[in-house]
Amino acid sequence: MSTSSGPPESWISSFCSLLGHEYFAEVSEEFIEDDFNLTGLQNQVAMYKEALEMILDVEPEEDDDDDEEEEEDEEDASGDGREGAGGRQRRHHSRVASDLSVIESSAEMLYGLIHQRFICSRAGIQQMSEKYDLGHFGVCPRTNCNQTRTLPVGLSDIPGEDTVKLFCPSCLDVYVPPNSRFQTVDGAFFGRTFGALFLLTFPEYDLSRSAAETASNLGRSAEEQGMVNGMYARNIAPGLGRGKIYEPKIYGFKVSELSRAGPRMRWLRDKPDDVTVLDEARRFAEEHGADSDDDDESMTHSRRPPTARRRRPGGNPALRQRQGQNGSPMNVDTNGAESEL
């Protein structure tokens, strides 16, 4: 009987296929082999060389010292000392097993730090876009977000500080992943840059399910609504604003914010009805013009010192008190000239 077996699975593919690693993208070997992409990681990961060889499935080089030790053991071995030689061999295997566990953990740490940089590159962010289209990252648990797809992000770029979180571009908030298997993934493996860079790279994503209905009601298409600061107006926090914030009521009456049970920090989820007011670049160009001369003139006016305000005579109470004690006005020296109050 002849059996056919395919090529062995690479370390990167096996790591990304583990339970709880569904958020990870498969970093290409070309990206890892480029030393520029690994700048600064050698000081952050223990056993860096061995971990990099494990990620790239490179066989470690054999040392000549090990061969010499094996030859010496064969020469000194006798019938009574076979158990001792076997004991040394078993200790050697145990040491190798412990090293492999350390190298494995270092390889996972190194791959996570490389992954943080890879998903911000053109090839990596395109791969994450495909996973985003398929809904691999889940949806926002907030009701008013209408199941907007989320993005995996980290609250810190330093490993070991926090686990991965899910960022919702509709309400601009982060949430803990609903499945507990993702709560052991380090958030530094995704970093703080990926979420915002993804939205700027792909502004055409429709984050709101009701965007088409809103455009039809206004009588204009989504493209005619324009862009604000490089993003479509329909994609700027569609889950916030009027009608998208929960209002606590008692028997139909709104609860005052001054009440003990009233809403707190509601302004964090507020959004203007007309999002074009957020386009600061357009507003500045309309107010000051696009010419550089106008910009220089405005900077000159802004740097002009304010006009000094003159103090009214006798306005200082301490001065009046001293005048009353002496019974005569005081001579005050102003810039070298004496004047009488």
Foldseek 3Di string as FASTA:
>chain_A
DDDDDDDDDAPQVVVCPDPQNVQFDRFDPVCVPPVVLCPPVVVVFPPVVLLSCNNVVHDDDDDPVVVVVVVVCVVPDDPVCPVVSVVVVVVVVVVVVVVVVSSVVRNVVSLLLSRQSQCLDPVNVVRSVVCQVVLSQWFDPQPLQVGFRWHWAAPALDWPPAFIWTAGLQQRDTHHDPDVSRRVHTRNSNYDPNPVSSCLVCQPDQRHPCPQVVCVVVPHDQVVQDAAPRHRPNRRNNCAAPPNDDFDDDPNHTDDCPDPPGDDPNVSRHDDPNNNVRRVVVVCCVVQNDDVVSVVVVVVVVPDDDDDDDDDPPPDPVQVVVCVVVVHFDWDQDPNDTDTD
